[in-house]
Amino acid sequence: MHLFGWQGLSFVVLLCWGVLAIFQKLAMNRISAAPALAWTAGGMALLQIFFLPNILAVHYPAASVGWALLNGVFNGLGILFLLTAMRSGGKASIVEPLSALYPVLVVLLAPFILHESISTVHAAGVLCAAISGILLSAEASEQG
């Protein structure tokens, strides 16, 4: 997994989640959010066969396993509400980019919780992202 470096891996995430957004909306056209979440979890479980065939949780510090479990809970809740937003009539072209603004929260909390510093350029990026969220959320008036 270290073949690409963090930038390359981040680009792979971008590609995977871009394709994922299309699949999520296609699923929401036929089923509700709760069953879709269960099938999503099933898809994630399939990955364990390839990436985690012999790993047991007992080999890791309890705190790290706890953080990973909380990650799963919040990931699942995020997916559930994302799918519900799409099922409730949200357009994938709006819901996905709007929900993808979660890094704004991370950037704002990182200095306090993770003790990371934020540069002026990063702060400007957060401001631009916040503005994009406002613009994405605005309902366009239909003129005909």
C-alpha atoms as a PDB file:
ATOM      1  CA  MET A   1       0.000   0.000   0.000  1.00  0.00           C
ATOM      2  CA  HIS A   2       2.989   2.336   0.326  1.00  0.00           C
ATOM      3  CA  LEU A   3       3.737   2.044  -3.389  1.00  0.00           C
ATOM      4  CA  PHE A   4       2.054   5.344  -4.290  1.00  0.00           C
ATOM      5  CA  GLY A   5       2.858   7.518  -1.278  1.00  0.00           C
ATOM      6  CA  TRP A   6       0.125   9.382   0.550  1.00  0.00           C
ATOM      7  CA  GLN A   7      -0.688  11.651  -2.399  1.00  0.00           C
ATOM      8  CA  GLY A   8      -1.204   8.736  -4.772  1.00  0.00           C
ATOM      9  CA  LEU A   9      -3.259   6.869  -2.205  1.00  0.00           C
ATOM     10  CA  SER A  10      -5.387   9.986  -1.679  1.00  0.00           C
ATOM     11  CA  PHE A  11      -6.021  10.099  -5.426  1.00  0.00           C
ATOM     12  CA  VAL A  12      -7.118   6.426  -5.345  1.00  0.00           C
ATOM     13  CA  VAL A  13      -9.562   7.373  -2.566  1.00  0.00           C
ATOM     14  CA  LEU A  14     -10.883  10.174  -4.772  1.00  0.00           C
ATOM     15  CA  LEU A  15     -11.433   7.721  -7.643  1.00  0.00           C
ATOM     16  CA  CYS A  16     -13.038   5.041  -5.455  1.00  0.00           C
ATOM     17  CA  TRP A  17     -15.374   7.466  -3.707  1.00  0.00           C
ATOM     18  CA  GLY A  18     -16.271   9.158  -6.982  1.00  0.00           C
ATOM     19  CA  VAL A  19     -17.408   5.830  -8.426  1.00  0.00           C
ATOM     20  CA  LEU A  20     -19.001   4.935  -5.089  1.00  0.00           C
ATOM     21  CA  ALA A  21     -21.255   8.001  -5.283  1.00  0.00           C
ATOM     22  CA  ILE A  22     -22.782   6.771  -8.524  1.00  0.00           C
ATOM     23  CA  PHE A  23     -23.388   3.284  -7.071  1.00  0.00           C
ATOM     24  CA  GLN A  24     -24.967   4.791  -3.949  1.00  0.00           C
ATOM     25  CA  LYS A  25     -27.473   6.801  -5.964  1.00  0.00           C
ATOM     26  CA  LEU A  26     -28.282   3.810  -8.186  1.00  0.00           C
ATOM     27  CA  ALA A  27     -28.964   1.714  -5.082  1.00  0.00           C
ATOM     28  CA  MET A  28     -31.181   4.426  -3.573  1.00  0.00           C
ATOM     29  CA  ASN A  29     -33.388   4.324  -6.656  1.00  0.00           C
ATOM     30  CA  ARG A  30     -34.498   0.808  -5.667  1.00  0.00           C
ATOM     31  CA  ILE A  31     -33.995   0.221  -1.910  1.00  0.00           C
ATOM     32  CA  SER A  32     -34.091   2.234   1.301  1.00  0.00           C
ATOM     33  CA  ALA A  33     -31.074   3.382   3.288  1.00  0.00           C
ATOM     34  CA  ALA A  34     -31.039   0.769   6.080  1.00  0.00           C
ATOM     35  CA  PRO A  35     -30.836  -2.298   3.793  1.00  0.00           C
ATOM     36  CA  ALA A  36     -28.327  -0.458   1.604  1.00  0.00           C
ATOM     37  CA  LEU A  37     -26.176   0.133   4.702  1.00  0.00           C
ATOM     38  CA  ALA A  38     -26.289  -3.601   5.475  1.00  0.00           C
ATOM     39  CA  TRP A  39     -25.233  -4.456   1.914  1.00  0.00           C
ATOM     40  CA  THR A  40     -22.480  -1.822   2.151  1.00  0.00           C
ATOM     41  CA  ALA A  41     -21.201  -3.502   5.304  1.00  0.00           C
ATOM     42  CA  GLY A  42     -21.283  -6.800   3.428  1.00  0.00           C
ATOM     43  CA  GLY A  43     -19.161  -5.301   0.672  1.00  0.00           C
ATOM     44  CA  MET A  44     -16.669  -4.058   3.243  1.00  0.00           C
ATOM     45  CA  ALA A  45     -16.597  -7.490   4.880  1.00  0.00           C
ATOM     46  CA  LEU A  46     -15.651  -9.023   1.518  1.00  0.00           C
ATOM     47  CA  LEU A  47     -12.498  -6.889   1.543  1.00  0.00           C
ATOM     48  CA  GLN A  48     -11.387  -8.544   4.777  1.00  0.00           C
ATOM     49  CA  ILE A  49     -10.778 -11.769   2.885  1.00  0.00           C
ATOM     50  CA  PHE A  50      -8.087 -10.018   0.859  1.00  0.00           C
ATOM     51  CA  PHE A  51      -6.622  -7.508   3.293  1.00  0.00           C
ATOM     52  CA  LEU A  52      -7.080  -9.081   6.734  1.00  0.00           C
ATOM     53  CA  PRO A  53      -7.040 -12.871   6.365  1.00  0.00           C
ATOM     54  CA  ASN A  54      -5.118 -13.682   9.574  1.00  0.00           C
ATOM     55  CA  ILE A  55      -5.331 -10.585  11.769  1.00  0.00           C
ATOM     56  CA  LEU A  56      -6.818 -10.744  15.233  1.00  0.00           C
ATOM     57  CA  ALA A  57      -7.747  -7.740  17.356  1.00  0.00           C
ATOM     58  CA  VAL A  58      -5.772  -9.143  20.310  1.00  0.00           C
ATOM     59  CA  HIS A  59      -2.538  -8.117  18.589  1.00  0.00           C
ATOM     60  CA  TYR A  60      -3.362  -4.419  18.921  1.00  0.00           C
ATOM     61  CA  PRO A  61      -3.633  -1.999  21.835  1.00  0.00           C
ATOM     62  CA  ALA A  62      -7.182  -1.826  23.204  1.00  0.00           C
ATOM     63  CA  ALA A  63      -7.323   1.955  22.710  1.00  0.00           C
ATOM     64  CA  SER A  64      -6.452   1.598  19.014  1.00  0.00           C
ATOM     65  CA  VAL A  65      -9.118  -1.064  18.527  1.00  0.00           C
ATOM     66  CA  GLY A  66     -11.611   1.199  20.326  1.00  0.00           C
ATOM     67  CA  TRP A  67     -10.800   4.129  18.038  1.00  0.00           C
ATOM     68  CA  ALA A  68     -11.151   1.842  15.015  1.00  0.00           C
ATOM     69  CA  LEU A  69     -14.545   0.628  16.246  1.00  0.00           C
ATOM     70  CA  LEU A  70     -15.703   4.215  16.771  1.00  0.00           C
ATOM     71  CA  ASN A  71     -14.468   4.940  13.261  1.00  0.00           C
ATOM     72  CA  GLY A  72     -16.725   2.171  12.012  1.00  0.00           C
ATOM     73  CA  VAL A  73     -19.717   3.457  13.970  1.00  0.00           C
ATOM     74  CA  PHE A  74     -19.355   7.017  12.695  1.00  0.00           C
ATOM     75  CA  ASN A  75     -18.593   5.775   9.177  1.00  0.00           C
ATOM     76  CA  GLY A  76     -21.746   3.666   9.253  1.00  0.00           C
ATOM     77  CA  LEU A  77     -23.856   6.537  10.581  1.00  0.00           C
ATOM     78  CA  GLY A  78     -22.427   8.855   7.942  1.00  0.00           C
ATOM     79  CA  ILE A  79     -23.211   6.381   5.177  1.00  0.00           C
ATOM     80  CA  LEU A  80     -26.713   5.798   6.549  1.00  0.00           C
ATOM     81  CA  PHE A  81     -27.527   9.513   6.572  1.00  0.00           C
ATOM     82  CA  LEU A  82     -25.874  10.025   3.174  1.00  0.00           C
ATOM     83  CA  LEU A  83     -28.004   7.257   1.668  1.00  0.00           C
ATOM     84  CA  THR A  84     -31.102   8.618   3.400  1.00  0.00           C
ATOM     85  CA  ALA A  85     -30.413  12.070   1.935  1.00  0.00           C
ATOM     86  CA  MET A  86     -30.231  10.569  -1.545  1.00  0.00           C
ATOM     87  CA  ARG A  87     -33.316   8.421  -0.981  1.00  0.00           C
ATOM     88  CA  SER A  88     -35.155  11.547   0.213  1.00  0.00           C
ATOM     89  CA  GLY A  89     -34.699  13.212  -3.161  1.00  0.00           C
ATOM     90  CA  GLY A  90     -31.199  14.614  -2.851  1.00  0.00           C
ATOM     91  CA  LYS A  91     -29.262  14.733  -6.096  1.00  0.00           C
ATOM     92  CA  ALA A  92     -25.998  12.783  -6.062  1.00  0.00           C
ATOM     93  CA  SER A  93     -24.330  15.771  -7.735  1.00  0.00           C
ATOM     94  CA  ILE A  94     -25.199  17.899  -4.676  1.00  0.00           C
ATOM     95  CA  VAL A  95     -25.361  15.462  -1.732  1.00  0.00           C
ATOM     96  CA  GLU A  96     -22.002  13.811  -2.410  1.00  0.00           C
ATOM     97  CA  PRO A  97     -19.885  16.969  -2.715  1.00  0.00           C
ATOM     98  CA  LEU A  98     -21.677  18.587   0.215  1.00  0.00           C
ATOM     99  CA  SER A  99     -21.076  15.556   2.430  1.00  0.00           C
ATOM    100  CA  ALA A 100     -17.475  15.463   1.247  1.00  0.00           C
ATOM    101  CA  LEU A 101     -16.844  18.752   3.052  1.00  0.00           C
ATOM    102  CA  TYR A 102     -16.263  16.846   6.318  1.00  0.00           C
ATOM    103  CA  PRO A 103     -12.532  17.717   6.136  1.00  0.00           C
ATOM    104  CA  VAL A 104     -13.489  21.276   7.074  1.00  0.00           C
ATOM    105  CA  LEU A 105     -14.487  19.935  10.488  1.00  0.00           C
ATOM    106  CA  VAL A 106     -11.276  17.903  10.665  1.00  0.00           C
ATOM    107  CA  VAL A 107      -9.136  20.944   9.865  1.00  0.00           C
ATOM    108  CA  LEU A 108     -10.920  23.013  12.502  1.00  0.00           C
ATOM    109  CA  LEU A 109     -10.592  20.321  15.211  1.00  0.00           C
ATOM    110  CA  ALA A 110      -7.106  18.994  14.351  1.00  0.00           C
ATOM    111  CA  PRO A 111      -5.168  21.716  16.196  1.00  0.00           C
ATOM    112  CA  PHE A 112      -7.108  21.085  19.413  1.00  0.00           C
ATOM    113  CA  ILE A 113      -7.462  17.298  19.378  1.00  0.00           C
ATOM    114  CA  LEU A 114      -4.517  16.089  17.274  1.00  0.00           C
ATOM    115  CA  HIS A 115      -2.141  18.995  18.005  1.00  0.00           C
ATOM    116  CA  GLU A 116      -1.574  19.657  14.308  1.00  0.00           C
ATOM    117  CA  SER A 117      -0.841  23.107  13.011  1.00  0.00           C
ATOM    118  CA  ILE A 118      -2.859  24.803  10.293  1.00  0.00           C
ATOM    119  CA  SER A 119      -1.151  27.168   7.877  1.00  0.00           C
ATOM    120  CA  THR A 120      -2.649  30.292   6.368  1.00  0.00           C
ATOM    121  CA  VAL A 121      -2.993  28.465   3.056  1.00  0.00           C
ATOM    122  CA  HIS A 122      -4.909  25.650   4.769  1.00  0.00           C
ATOM    123  CA  ALA A 123      -7.160  28.206   6.489  1.00  0.00           C
ATOM    124  CA  ALA A 124      -7.857  29.816   3.104  1.00  0.00           C
ATOM    125  CA  GLY A 125      -8.721  26.366   1.724  1.00  0.00           C
ATOM    126  CA  VAL A 126     -11.158  25.787   4.580  1.00  0.00           C
ATOM    127  CA  LEU A 127     -12.799  29.136   3.866  1.00  0.00           C
ATOM    128  CA  CYS A 128     -13.138  28.256   0.167  1.00  0.00           C
ATOM    129  CA  ALA A 129     -14.597  24.860   1.071  1.00  0.00           C
ATOM    130  CA  ALA A 130     -17.114  26.466   3.424  1.00  0.00           C
ATOM    131  CA  ILE A 131     -18.150  28.889   0.683  1.00  0.00           C
ATOM    132  CA  SER A 132     -18.536  25.969  -1.738  1.00  0.00           C
ATOM    133  CA  GLY A 133     -20.806  24.229   0.768  1.00  0.00           C
ATOM    134  CA  ILE A 134     -22.987  27.315   1.030  1.00  0.00           C
ATOM    135  CA  LEU A 135     -23.187  27.583  -2.751  1.00  0.00           C
ATOM    136  CA  LEU A 136     -23.962  23.876  -3.168  1.00  0.00           C
ATOM    137  CA  SER A 137     -26.691  24.055  -0.545  1.00  0.00           C
ATOM    138  CA  ALA A 138     -28.410  27.082  -2.074  1.00  0.00           C
ATOM    139  CA  GLU A 139     -31.530  26.234  -3.979  1.00  0.00           C
ATOM    140  CA  ALA A 140     -31.296  27.605  -7.506  1.00  0.00           C
ATOM    141  CA  SER A 141     -34.350  29.513  -8.602  1.00  0.00           C
ATOM    142  CA  GLU A 142     -35.993  27.984 -11.631  1.00  0.00           C
ATOM    143  CA  GLN A 143     -36.395  30.503 -14.409  1.00  0.00           C
ATOM    144  CA  GLY A 144     -38.125  29.431 -17.502  1.00  0.00           C
END
